[in-house]
Amino acid sequence: MNKFKELNEKEMSLVKKAGYVVEENKEYSEEDYEKCVNVICDYIMSHSKNEIPTIENEFSSALSKII
């Protein structure tokens, strides 16, 4: 099952914004999803201390579908 297909357009845009490239017809492994989560977490943590809660909130829906 491709968990990325569960993401709506906004969530997919956020994943791409974080720097993870999603390929259309690829079969993803659990390791791939873990890498994606790590990329998103790195992106969130790269922001200032004051911005992190807001950005984390933006990504929460996408992360819950990927994890």
N, C-alpha and C. Protein backbone atom coordinates (compact mmCIF):
# COMPACT_ATOMS: atom_id res chain seq x y z
N MET A 1 0.84 -1.18 0.00
CA MET A 1 0.00 0.00 0.00
C MET A 1 0.89 1.25 0.00
N ASN A 2 0.54 2.20 -0.83
CA ASN A 2 1.28 3.45 -0.91
C ASN A 2 0.60 4.49 -0.01
N LYS A 3 1.22 4.74 1.13
CA LYS A 3 0.65 5.68 2.10
C LYS A 3 0.58 7.10 1.55
N PHE A 4 1.42 7.42 0.58
CA PHE A 4 1.41 8.76 0.02
C PHE A 4 0.13 9.04 -0.76
N LYS A 5 -0.53 7.99 -1.23
CA LYS A 5 -1.80 8.19 -1.95
C LYS A 5 -2.92 8.64 -1.02
N GLU A 6 -2.72 8.46 0.29
CA GLU A 6 -3.71 8.90 1.28
C GLU A 6 -3.62 10.40 1.55
N LEU A 7 -2.51 11.02 1.14
CA LEU A 7 -2.32 12.44 1.41
C LEU A 7 -3.15 13.28 0.45
N ASN A 8 -3.72 14.36 0.97
CA ASN A 8 -4.42 15.28 0.08
C ASN A 8 -3.39 16.21 -0.57
N GLU A 9 -3.84 17.09 -1.43
CA GLU A 9 -2.94 17.95 -2.20
C GLU A 9 -2.08 18.84 -1.29
N LYS A 10 -2.67 19.40 -0.26
CA LYS A 10 -1.94 20.29 0.65
C LYS A 10 -0.86 19.50 1.40
N GLU A 11 -1.21 18.31 1.88
CA GLU A 11 -0.25 17.48 2.62
C GLU A 11 0.91 17.06 1.72
N MET A 12 0.59 16.70 0.48
CA MET A 12 1.63 16.30 -0.47
C MET A 12 2.56 17.48 -0.76
N SER A 13 1.99 18.65 -0.87
CA SER A 13 2.78 19.86 -1.09
C SER A 13 3.73 20.12 0.07
N LEU A 14 3.27 19.89 1.29
CA LEU A 14 4.11 20.07 2.46
C LEU A 14 5.26 19.07 2.48
N VAL A 15 4.98 17.83 2.12
CA VAL A 15 6.03 16.80 2.07
C VAL A 15 7.11 17.22 1.07
N LYS A 16 6.69 17.70 -0.08
CA LYS A 16 7.65 18.16 -1.09
C LYS A 16 8.41 19.38 -0.60
N LYS A 17 7.72 20.29 0.08
CA LYS A 17 8.35 21.49 0.62
C LYS A 17 9.45 21.12 1.63
N ALA A 18 9.22 20.05 2.38
CA ALA A 18 10.20 19.60 3.36
C ALA A 18 11.43 18.99 2.69
N GLY A 19 11.30 18.62 1.41
CA GLY A 19 12.44 18.11 0.67
C GLY A 19 12.40 16.64 0.33
N TYR A 20 11.26 15.99 0.53
CA TYR A 20 11.15 14.57 0.18
C TYR A 20 10.45 14.45 -1.17
N VAL A 21 11.09 13.76 -2.11
CA VAL A 21 10.53 13.59 -3.45
C VAL A 21 9.70 12.31 -3.48
N VAL A 22 8.42 12.46 -3.81
CA VAL A 22 7.51 11.32 -3.91
C VAL A 22 7.37 10.94 -5.38
N GLU A 23 7.70 9.69 -5.68
CA GLU A 23 7.57 9.20 -7.05
C GLU A 23 6.19 8.57 -7.23
N GLU A 24 5.59 8.84 -8.36
CA GLU A 24 4.20 8.46 -8.62
C GLU A 24 3.94 6.95 -8.53
N ASN A 25 4.69 6.15 -9.24
CA ASN A 25 4.38 4.72 -9.35
C ASN A 25 5.36 3.83 -8.59
N LYS A 26 5.96 4.33 -7.54
CA LYS A 26 6.94 3.56 -6.78
C LYS A 26 6.25 2.82 -5.64
N GLU A 27 6.72 1.61 -5.38
CA GLU A 27 6.27 0.86 -4.20
C GLU A 27 7.20 1.23 -3.06
N TYR A 28 6.66 1.80 -2.01
CA TYR A 28 7.47 2.27 -0.88
C TYR A 28 7.51 1.23 0.23
N SER A 29 8.69 1.12 0.85
CA SER A 29 8.87 0.22 1.99
C SER A 29 8.72 1.03 3.28
N GLU A 30 8.64 0.33 4.39
CA GLU A 30 8.56 1.02 5.68
C GLU A 30 9.80 1.89 5.90
N GLU A 31 10.93 1.43 5.40
CA GLU A 31 12.17 2.21 5.51
C GLU A 31 12.04 3.53 4.75
N ASP A 32 11.39 3.51 3.59
CA ASP A 32 11.17 4.73 2.82
C ASP A 32 10.30 5.72 3.60
N TYR A 33 9.26 5.20 4.26
CA TYR A 33 8.39 6.07 5.05
C TYR A 33 9.14 6.66 6.24
N GLU A 34 10.02 5.86 6.84
CA GLU A 34 10.83 6.35 7.96
C GLU A 34 11.76 7.47 7.49
N LYS A 35 12.35 7.30 6.30
CA LYS A 35 13.21 8.34 5.75
C LYS A 35 12.43 9.62 5.51
N CYS A 36 11.22 9.49 5.01
CA CYS A 36 10.36 10.65 4.77
C CYS A 36 10.07 11.37 6.08
N VAL A 37 9.72 10.62 7.10
CA VAL A 37 9.44 11.22 8.42
C VAL A 37 10.67 11.94 8.94
N ASN A 38 11.84 11.35 8.76
CA ASN A 38 13.08 11.99 9.20
C ASN A 38 13.35 13.29 8.45
N VAL A 39 13.09 13.29 7.16
CA VAL A 39 13.27 14.51 6.36
C VAL A 39 12.33 15.60 6.85
N ILE A 40 11.08 15.23 7.12
CA ILE A 40 10.10 16.20 7.62
C ILE A 40 10.52 16.72 9.00
N CYS A 41 10.95 15.83 9.87
CA CYS A 41 11.38 16.25 11.21
C CYS A 41 12.59 17.18 11.14
N ASP A 42 13.53 16.86 10.26
CA ASP A 42 14.70 17.73 10.09
C ASP A 42 14.26 19.11 9.60
N TYR A 43 13.31 19.12 8.68
CA TYR A 43 12.79 20.39 8.15
C TYR A 43 12.15 21.21 9.27
N ILE A 44 11.33 20.56 10.06
CA ILE A 44 10.65 21.26 11.16
C ILE A 44 11.68 21.81 12.14
N MET A 45 12.64 20.99 12.51
CA MET A 45 13.62 21.39 13.52
C MET A 45 14.61 22.43 13.01
N SER A 46 14.66 22.64 11.70
CA SER A 46 15.58 23.63 11.15
C SER A 46 15.06 25.06 11.33
N HIS A 47 13.85 25.18 11.80
CA HIS A 47 13.26 26.50 12.01
C HIS A 47 13.54 27.01 13.43
N SER A 48 13.23 28.27 13.61
CA SER A 48 13.48 28.87 14.92
C SER A 48 12.56 28.26 15.97
N LYS A 49 12.98 28.37 17.20
CA LYS A 49 12.25 27.80 18.33
C LYS A 49 10.80 28.28 18.36
N ASN A 50 10.56 29.50 17.97
CA ASN A 50 9.21 30.06 17.99
C ASN A 50 8.33 29.55 16.85
N GLU A 51 8.94 29.17 15.74
CA GLU A 51 8.19 28.70 14.58
C GLU A 51 7.85 27.21 14.63
N ILE A 52 8.63 26.44 15.37
CA ILE A 52 8.50 24.98 15.37
C ILE A 52 7.07 24.51 15.70
N PRO A 53 6.42 25.01 16.74
CA PRO A 53 5.06 24.51 17.03
C PRO A 53 4.07 24.74 15.89
N THR A 54 4.17 25.88 15.23
CA THR A 54 3.27 26.18 14.12
C THR A 54 3.51 25.25 12.94
N ILE A 55 4.78 25.06 12.60
CA ILE A 55 5.12 24.20 11.47
C ILE A 55 4.81 22.74 11.79
N GLU A 56 5.07 22.34 13.01
CA GLU A 56 4.75 20.97 13.43
C GLU A 56 3.25 20.72 13.30
N ASN A 57 2.46 21.71 13.64
CA ASN A 57 1.01 21.60 13.53
C ASN A 57 0.58 21.46 12.06
N GLU A 58 1.24 22.18 11.17
CA GLU A 58 0.94 22.08 9.74
C GLU A 58 1.17 20.66 9.21
N PHE A 59 2.22 20.03 9.70
CA PHE A 59 2.61 18.72 9.20
C PHE A 59 1.95 17.55 9.94
N SER A 60 1.25 17.81 11.02
CA SER A 60 0.73 16.73 11.86
C SER A 60 -0.19 15.78 11.10
N SER A 61 -1.04 16.30 10.26
CA SER A 61 -1.96 15.44 9.51
C SER A 61 -1.21 14.52 8.55
N ALA A 62 -0.26 15.08 7.83
CA ALA A 62 0.53 14.29 6.87
C ALA A 62 1.35 13.23 7.61
N LEU A 63 1.97 13.63 8.71
CA LEU A 63 2.79 12.68 9.48
C LEU A 63 1.95 11.52 10.02
N SER A 64 0.75 11.83 10.48
CA SER A 64 -0.09 10.76 11.03
C SER A 64 -0.49 9.74 9.96
N LYS A 65 -0.57 10.16 8.71
CA LYS A 65 -0.91 9.23 7.63
C LYS A 65 0.29 8.43 7.17
N ILE A 66 1.48 9.01 7.29
CA ILE A 66 2.70 8.34 6.83
C ILE A 66 3.21 7.35 7.86
N ILE A 67 3.09 7.68 9.13
CA ILE A 67 3.66 6.84 10.19
C ILE A 67 2.86 5.57 10.35
